[in-house]
Amino acid sequence: MEIKADTAWRKSRLAARLLIRKESRPLRRREQALAHQLSQDSEVTNRLIQQALYFLGVGPRKYAFDQKLVGGRN
């Protein structure tokens, strides 16, 4: 089962990177399609995305990050 867990973690990190990109600029069509695909994937959970965001350095500014994404829907 380690392979599946690793796959889920990699997908979640990718989803987190897309969220970070969305914070700074609108997503391109290809990125939007990938984000939609990841949102439908049962392996990609909110908890794993949150862990990936912390892993990628969003942790200290998580509240501001969330507020910007919710307030700036694109």
PDB file of N, CA and C in Angstrom:
ATOM      1  N   MET A   1       0.804  -1.207   0.000  1.00  0.00           N
ATOM      2  CA  MET A   1       0.000   0.000   0.000  1.00  0.00           C
ATOM      3  C   MET A   1       0.844   1.267   0.000  1.00  0.00           C
ATOM      4  N   GLU A   2       2.130   1.192   0.202  1.00  0.00           N
ATOM      5  CA  GLU A   2       2.970   2.381   0.210  1.00  0.00           C
ATOM      6  C   GLU A   2       2.923   3.107  -1.121  1.00  0.00           C
ATOM      7  N   ILE A   3       2.809   2.372  -2.204  1.00  0.00           N
ATOM      8  CA  ILE A   3       2.766   3.003  -3.521  1.00  0.00           C
ATOM      9  C   ILE A   3       1.534   3.892  -3.632  1.00  0.00           C
ATOM     10  N   LYS A   4       0.385   3.424  -3.165  1.00  0.00           N
ATOM     11  CA  LYS A   4      -0.840   4.211  -3.226  1.00  0.00           C
ATOM     12  C   LYS A   4      -0.721   5.469  -2.359  1.00  0.00           C
ATOM     13  N   ALA A   5      -0.160   5.328  -1.166  1.00  0.00           N
ATOM     14  CA  ALA A   5       0.017   6.480  -0.286  1.00  0.00           C
ATOM     15  C   ALA A   5       0.952   7.491  -0.927  1.00  0.00           C
ATOM     16  N   ASP A   6       1.999   7.020  -1.544  1.00  0.00           N
ATOM     17  CA  ASP A   6       2.938   7.912  -2.213  1.00  0.00           C
ATOM     18  C   ASP A   6       2.252   8.632  -3.375  1.00  0.00           C
ATOM     19  N   THR A   7       1.427   7.921  -4.116  1.00  0.00           N
ATOM     20  CA  THR A   7       0.690   8.526  -5.222  1.00  0.00           C
ATOM     21  C   THR A   7      -0.264   9.595  -4.713  1.00  0.00           C
ATOM     22  N   ALA A   8      -0.961   9.313  -3.635  1.00  0.00           N
ATOM     23  CA  ALA A   8      -1.891  10.282  -3.064  1.00  0.00           C
ATOM     24  C   ALA A   8      -1.143  11.524  -2.592  1.00  0.00           C
ATOM     25  N   TRP A   9       0.018  11.339  -1.977  1.00  0.00           N
ATOM     26  CA  TRP A   9       0.813  12.469  -1.498  1.00  0.00           C
ATOM     27  C   TRP A   9       1.302  13.321  -2.675  1.00  0.00           C
ATOM     28  N   ARG A  10       1.751  12.674  -3.728  1.00  0.00           N
ATOM     29  CA  ARG A  10       2.239  13.418  -4.897  1.00  0.00           C
ATOM     30  C   ARG A  10       1.108  14.211  -5.548  1.00  0.00           C
ATOM     31  N   LYS A  11      -0.060  13.601  -5.667  1.00  0.00           N
ATOM     32  CA  LYS A  11      -1.213  14.309  -6.239  1.00  0.00           C
ATOM     33  C   LYS A  11      -1.616  15.481  -5.359  1.00  0.00           C
ATOM     34  N   SER A  12      -1.566  15.295  -4.051  1.00  0.00           N
ATOM     35  CA  SER A  12      -1.938  16.358  -3.120  1.00  0.00           C
ATOM     36  C   SER A  12      -0.948  17.509  -3.168  1.00  0.00           C
ATOM     37  N   ARG A  13       0.330  17.211  -3.318  1.00  0.00           N
ATOM     38  CA  ARG A  13       1.329  18.285  -3.465  1.00  0.00           C
ATOM     39  C   ARG A  13       1.079  19.060  -4.747  1.00  0.00           C
ATOM     40  N   LEU A  14       0.707  18.367  -5.798  1.00  0.00           N
ATOM     41  CA  LEU A  14       0.389  19.036  -7.061  1.00  0.00           C
ATOM     42  C   LEU A  14      -0.828  19.944  -6.890  1.00  0.00           C
ATOM     43  N   ALA A  15      -1.840  19.454  -6.193  1.00  0.00           N
ATOM     44  CA  ALA A  15      -3.027  20.272  -5.927  1.00  0.00           C
ATOM     45  C   ALA A  15      -2.653  21.500  -5.096  1.00  0.00           C
ATOM     46  N   ALA A  16      -1.768  21.328  -4.121  1.00  0.00           N
ATOM     47  CA  ALA A  16      -1.328  22.446  -3.293  1.00  0.00           C
ATOM     48  C   ALA A  16      -0.567  23.473  -4.134  1.00  0.00           C
ATOM     49  N   ARG A  17       0.264  23.007  -5.033  1.00  0.00           N
ATOM     50  CA  ARG A  17       0.997  23.935  -5.919  1.00  0.00           C
ATOM     51  C   ARG A  17       0.029  24.731  -6.796  1.00  0.00           C
ATOM     52  N   LEU A  18      -1.030  24.080  -7.251  1.00  0.00           N
ATOM     53  CA  LEU A  18      -2.025  24.792  -8.051  1.00  0.00           C
ATOM     54  C   LEU A  18      -2.729  25.861  -7.210  1.00  0.00           C
ATOM     55  N   LEU A  19      -2.999  25.562  -5.957  1.00  0.00           N
ATOM     56  CA  LEU A  19      -3.611  26.559  -5.075  1.00  0.00           C
ATOM     57  C   LEU A  19      -2.672  27.746  -4.854  1.00  0.00           C
ATOM     58  N   ILE A  20      -1.394  27.460  -4.703  1.00  0.00           N
ATOM     59  CA  ILE A  20      -0.414  28.531  -4.528  1.00  0.00           C
ATOM     60  C   ILE A  20      -0.346  29.393  -5.781  1.00  0.00           C
ATOM     61  N   ARG A  21      -0.387  28.764  -6.943  1.00  0.00           N
ATOM     62  CA  ARG A  21      -0.396  29.538  -8.198  1.00  0.00           C
ATOM     63  C   ARG A  21      -1.650  30.386  -8.305  1.00  0.00           C
ATOM     64  N   LYS A  22      -2.786  29.809  -7.897  1.00  0.00           N
ATOM     65  CA  LYS A  22      -4.052  30.530  -7.981  1.00  0.00           C
ATOM     66  C   LYS A  22      -4.041  31.766  -7.081  1.00  0.00           C
ATOM     67  N   GLU A  23      -3.286  31.701  -6.005  1.00  0.00           N
ATOM     68  CA  GLU A  23      -3.187  32.845  -5.104  1.00  0.00           C
ATOM     69  C   GLU A  23      -2.530  34.040  -5.811  1.00  0.00           C
ATOM     70  N   SER A  24      -1.567  33.764  -6.686  1.00  0.00           N
ATOM     71  CA  SER A  24      -0.818  34.852  -7.300  1.00  0.00           C
ATOM     72  C   SER A  24      -1.332  35.271  -8.680  1.00  0.00           C
ATOM     73  N   ARG A  25      -2.007  34.373  -9.352  1.00  0.00           N
ATOM     74  CA  ARG A  25      -2.515  34.692 -10.696  1.00  0.00           C
ATOM     75  C   ARG A  25      -3.633  33.726 -11.068  1.00  0.00           C
ATOM     76  N   PRO A  26      -4.465  34.097 -12.040  1.00  0.00           N
ATOM     77  CA  PRO A  26      -5.494  33.149 -12.504  1.00  0.00           C
ATOM     78  C   PRO A  26      -4.841  31.908 -13.130  1.00  0.00           C
ATOM     79  N   LEU A  27      -5.474  30.782 -12.914  1.00  0.00           N
ATOM     80  CA  LEU A  27      -4.956  29.543 -13.496  1.00  0.00           C
ATOM     81  C   LEU A  27      -5.218  29.502 -14.991  1.00  0.00           C
ATOM     82  N   ARG A  28      -4.278  28.940 -15.712  1.00  0.00           N
ATOM     83  CA  ARG A  28      -4.462  28.730 -17.153  1.00  0.00           C
ATOM     84  C   ARG A  28      -5.462  27.603 -17.361  1.00  0.00           C
ATOM     85  N   ARG A  29      -5.964  27.500 -18.554  1.00  0.00           N
ATOM     86  CA  ARG A  29      -6.979  26.492 -18.873  1.00  0.00           C
ATOM     87  C   ARG A  29      -6.498  25.078 -18.542  1.00  0.00           C
ATOM     88  N   ARG A  30      -5.264  24.778 -18.876  1.00  0.00           N
ATOM     89  CA  ARG A  30      -4.713  23.445 -18.607  1.00  0.00           C
ATOM     90  C   ARG A  30      -4.615  23.191 -17.097  1.00  0.00           C
ATOM     91  N   GLU A  31      -4.214  24.224 -16.339  1.00  0.00           N
ATOM     92  CA  GLU A  31      -4.129  24.100 -14.891  1.00  0.00           C
ATOM     93  C   GLU A  31      -5.521  23.928 -14.275  1.00  0.00           C
ATOM     94  N   GLN A  32      -6.495  24.629 -14.826  1.00  0.00           N
ATOM     95  CA  GLN A  32      -7.873  24.482 -14.348  1.00  0.00           C
ATOM     96  C   GLN A  32      -8.377  23.069 -14.583  1.00  0.00           C
ATOM     97  N   ALA A  33      -8.073  22.518 -15.742  1.00  0.00           N
ATOM     98  CA  ALA A  33      -8.502  21.151 -16.054  1.00  0.00           C
ATOM     99  C   ALA A  33      -7.853  20.155 -15.092  1.00  0.00           C
ATOM    100  N   LEU A  34      -6.571  20.359 -14.803  1.00  0.00           N
ATOM    101  CA  LEU A  34      -5.873  19.478 -13.872  1.00  0.00           C
ATOM    102  C   LEU A  34      -6.444  19.629 -12.462  1.00  0.00           C
ATOM    103  N   ALA A  35      -6.729  20.855 -12.045  1.00  0.00           N
ATOM    104  CA  ALA A  35      -7.321  21.097 -10.723  1.00  0.00           C
ATOM    105  C   ALA A  35      -8.676  20.399 -10.615  1.00  0.00           C
ATOM    106  N   HIS A  36      -9.465  20.472 -11.673  1.00  0.00           N
ATOM    107  CA  HIS A  36     -10.770  19.798 -11.666  1.00  0.00           C
ATOM    108  C   HIS A  36     -10.591  18.285 -11.557  1.00  0.00           C
ATOM    109  N   GLN A  37      -9.653  17.752 -12.306  1.00  0.00           N
ATOM    110  CA  GLN A  37      -9.382  16.311 -12.271  1.00  0.00           C
ATOM    111  C   GLN A  37      -8.937  15.883 -10.867  1.00  0.00           C
ATOM    112  N   LEU A  38      -8.062  16.657 -10.245  1.00  0.00           N
ATOM    113  CA  LEU A  38      -7.594  16.324  -8.900  1.00  0.00           C
ATOM    114  C   LEU A  38      -8.717  16.450  -7.869  1.00  0.00           C
ATOM    115  N   SER A  39      -9.623  17.402  -8.080  1.00  0.00           N
ATOM    116  CA  SER A  39     -10.727  17.577  -7.128  1.00  0.00           C
ATOM    117  C   SER A  39     -11.689  16.394  -7.158  1.00  0.00           C
ATOM    118  N   GLN A  40     -11.718  15.667  -8.247  1.00  0.00           N
ATOM    119  CA  GLN A  40     -12.583  14.495  -8.375  1.00  0.00           C
ATOM    120  C   GLN A  40     -11.901  13.210  -7.914  1.00  0.00           C
ATOM    121  N   ASP A  41     -10.605  13.264  -7.649  1.00  0.00           N
ATOM    122  CA  ASP A  41      -9.825  12.087  -7.270  1.00  0.00           C
ATOM    123  C   ASP A  41     -10.025  11.778  -5.788  1.00  0.00           C
ATOM    124  N   SER A  42     -10.448  10.571  -5.481  1.00  0.00           N
ATOM    125  CA  SER A  42     -10.728  10.199  -4.085  1.00  0.00           C
ATOM    126  C   SER A  42      -9.462  10.085  -3.239  1.00  0.00           C
ATOM    127  N   GLU A  43      -8.301   9.916  -3.860  1.00  0.00           N
ATOM    128  CA  GLU A  43      -7.047   9.831  -3.104  1.00  0.00           C
ATOM    129  C   GLU A  43      -6.602  11.194  -2.580  1.00  0.00           C
ATOM    130  N   VAL A  44      -7.018  12.265  -3.237  1.00  0.00           N
ATOM    131  CA  VAL A  44      -6.608  13.617  -2.865  1.00  0.00           C
ATOM    132  C   VAL A  44      -7.604  14.147  -1.838  1.00  0.00           C
ATOM    133  N   THR A  45      -7.170  14.198  -0.590  1.00  0.00           N
ATOM    134  CA  THR A  45      -8.049  14.645   0.485  1.00  0.00           C
ATOM    135  C   THR A  45      -7.654  16.041   0.953  1.00  0.00           C
ATOM    136  N   ASN A  46      -8.594  16.711   1.596  1.00  0.00           N
ATOM    137  CA  ASN A  46      -8.313  18.048   2.129  1.00  0.00           C
ATOM    138  C   ASN A  46      -7.145  18.008   3.108  1.00  0.00           C
ATOM    139  N   ARG A  47      -7.110  16.970   3.912  1.00  0.00           N
ATOM    140  CA  ARG A  47      -6.035  16.846   4.906  1.00  0.00           C
ATOM    141  C   ARG A  47      -4.670  16.729   4.240  1.00  0.00           C
ATOM    142  N   LEU A  48      -4.567  15.927   3.186  1.00  0.00           N
ATOM    143  CA  LEU A  48      -3.290  15.798   2.483  1.00  0.00           C
ATOM    144  C   LEU A  48      -2.905  17.099   1.788  1.00  0.00           C
ATOM    145  N   ILE A  49      -3.883  17.802   1.246  1.00  0.00           N
ATOM    146  CA  ILE A  49      -3.588  19.096   0.612  1.00  0.00           C
ATOM    147  C   ILE A  49      -3.094  20.078   1.671  1.00  0.00           C
ATOM    148  N   GLN A  50      -3.734  20.083   2.839  1.00  0.00           N
ATOM    149  CA  GLN A  50      -3.303  20.967   3.918  1.00  0.00           C
ATOM    150  C   GLN A  50      -1.874  20.635   4.344  1.00  0.00           C
ATOM    151  N   GLN A  51      -1.556  19.365   4.484  1.00  0.00           N
ATOM    152  CA  GLN A  51      -0.197  18.970   4.840  1.00  0.00           C
ATOM    153  C   GLN A  51       0.790  19.393   3.760  1.00  0.00           C
ATOM    154  N   ALA A  52       0.391  19.264   2.502  1.00  0.00           N
ATOM    155  CA  ALA A  52       1.266  19.665   1.399  1.00  0.00           C
ATOM    156  C   ALA A  52       1.494  21.176   1.404  1.00  0.00           C
ATOM    157  N   LEU A  53       0.456  21.953   1.720  1.00  0.00           N
ATOM    158  CA  LEU A  53       0.618  23.404   1.808  1.00  0.00           C
ATOM    159  C   LEU A  53       1.634  23.762   2.887  1.00  0.00           C
ATOM    160  N   TYR A  54       1.554  23.111   4.036  1.00  0.00           N
ATOM    161  CA  TYR A  54       2.530  23.355   5.094  1.00  0.00           C
ATOM    162  C   TYR A  54       3.924  22.924   4.638  1.00  0.00           C
ATOM    163  N   PHE A  55       4.009  21.789   3.961  1.00  0.00           N
ATOM    164  CA  PHE A  55       5.279  21.290   3.441  1.00  0.00           C
ATOM    165  C   PHE A  55       5.901  22.290   2.467  1.00  0.00           C
ATOM    166  N   LEU A  56       5.069  22.948   1.677  1.00  0.00           N
ATOM    167  CA  LEU A  56       5.554  23.906   0.686  1.00  0.00           C
ATOM    168  C   LEU A  56       5.759  25.314   1.257  1.00  0.00           C
ATOM    169  N   GLY A  57       5.525  25.486   2.546  1.00  0.00           N
ATOM    170  CA  GLY A  57       5.861  26.744   3.192  1.00  0.00           C
ATOM    171  C   GLY A  57       4.736  27.730   3.414  1.00  0.00           C
ATOM    172  N   VAL A  58       3.494  27.332   3.219  1.00  0.00           N
ATOM    173  CA  VAL A  58       2.369  28.236   3.401  1.00  0.00           C
ATOM    174  C   VAL A  58       1.981  28.345   4.877  1.00  0.00           C
ATOM    175  N   GLY A  59       2.400  27.426   5.698  1.00  0.00           N
ATOM    176  CA  GLY A  59       2.001  27.324   7.091  1.00  0.00           C
ATOM    177  C   GLY A  59       1.864  28.621   7.865  1.00  0.00           C
ATOM    178  N   PRO A  60       2.919  29.422   7.955  1.00  0.00           N
ATOM    179  CA  PRO A  60       2.835  30.641   8.775  1.00  0.00           C
ATOM    180  C   PRO A  60       1.779  31.647   8.296  1.00  0.00           C
ATOM    181  N   ARG A  61       1.410  31.595   7.061  1.00  0.00           N
ATOM    182  CA  ARG A  61       0.428  32.550   6.533  1.00  0.00           C
ATOM    183  C   ARG A  61      -0.840  31.849   6.044  1.00  0.00           C
ATOM    184  N   LYS A  62      -1.163  30.706   6.647  1.00  0.00           N
ATOM    185  CA  LYS A  62      -2.291  29.886   6.205  1.00  0.00           C
ATOM    186  C   LYS A  62      -3.619  30.637   6.240  1.00  0.00           C
ATOM    187  N   TYR A  63      -3.892  31.392   7.299  1.00  0.00           N
ATOM    188  CA  TYR A  63      -5.164  32.102   7.388  1.00  0.00           C
ATOM    189  C   TYR A  63      -5.302  33.129   6.259  1.00  0.00           C
ATOM    190  N   ALA A  64      -4.267  33.927   6.032  1.00  0.00           N
ATOM    191  CA  ALA A  64      -4.299  34.931   4.960  1.00  0.00           C
ATOM    192  C   ALA A  64      -4.412  34.251   3.594  1.00  0.00           C
ATOM    193  N   PHE A  65      -3.732  33.135   3.441  1.00  0.00           N
ATOM    194  CA  PHE A  65      -3.787  32.371   2.194  1.00  0.00           C
ATOM    195  C   PHE A  65      -5.213  31.911   1.917  1.00  0.00           C
ATOM    196  N   ASP A  66      -5.868  31.332   2.926  1.00  0.00           N
ATOM    197  CA  ASP A  66      -7.252  30.868   2.780  1.00  0.00           C
ATOM    198  C   ASP A  66      -8.192  32.022   2.446  1.00  0.00           C
ATOM    199  N   GLN A  67      -8.028  33.147   3.152  1.00  0.00           N
ATOM    200  CA  GLN A  67      -8.893  34.285   2.926  1.00  0.00           C
ATOM    201  C   GLN A  67      -8.750  34.826   1.499  1.00  0.00           C
ATOM    202  N   LYS A  68      -7.529  34.855   0.994  1.00  0.00           N
ATOM    203  CA  LYS A  68      -7.302  35.358  -0.368  1.00  0.00           C
ATOM    204  C   LYS A  68      -7.949  34.437  -1.399  1.00  0.00           C
ATOM    205  N   LEU A  69      -7.835  33.129  -1.197  1.00  0.00           N
ATOM    206  CA  LEU A  69      -8.419  32.177  -2.148  1.00  0.00           C
ATOM    207  C   LEU A  69      -9.942  32.227  -2.119  1.00  0.00           C
ATOM    208  N   VAL A  70     -10.532  32.337  -0.941  1.00  0.00           N
ATOM    209  CA  VAL A  70     -11.987  32.371  -0.820  1.00  0.00           C
ATOM    210  C   VAL A  70     -12.523  33.692  -1.358  1.00  0.00           C
ATOM    211  N   GLY A  71     -11.836  34.768  -1.046  1.00  0.00           N
ATOM    212  CA  GLY A  71     -12.293  36.095  -1.479  1.00  0.00           C
ATOM    213  C   GLY A  71     -12.072  36.359  -2.947  1.00  0.00           C
ATOM    214  N   GLY A  72     -11.060  35.717  -3.542  1.00  0.00           N
ATOM    215  CA  GLY A  72     -10.712  35.978  -4.937  1.00  0.00           C
ATOM    216  C   GLY A  72     -10.974  34.811  -5.845  1.00  0.00           C
ATOM    217  N   ARG A  73     -12.218  34.364  -5.874  1.00  0.00           N
ATOM    218  CA  ARG A  73     -12.559  33.207  -6.727  1.00  0.00           C
ATOM    219  C   ARG A  73     -12.435  33.585  -8.187  1.00  0.00           C
ATOM    220  N   ASN A  74     -11.622  32.790  -8.905  1.00  0.00           N
ATOM    221  CA  ASN A  74     -11.432  32.989 -10.349  1.00  0.00           C
ATOM    222  C   ASN A  74     -11.731  31.704 -11.073  1.00  0.00           C
TER     223      ASN A  74
END
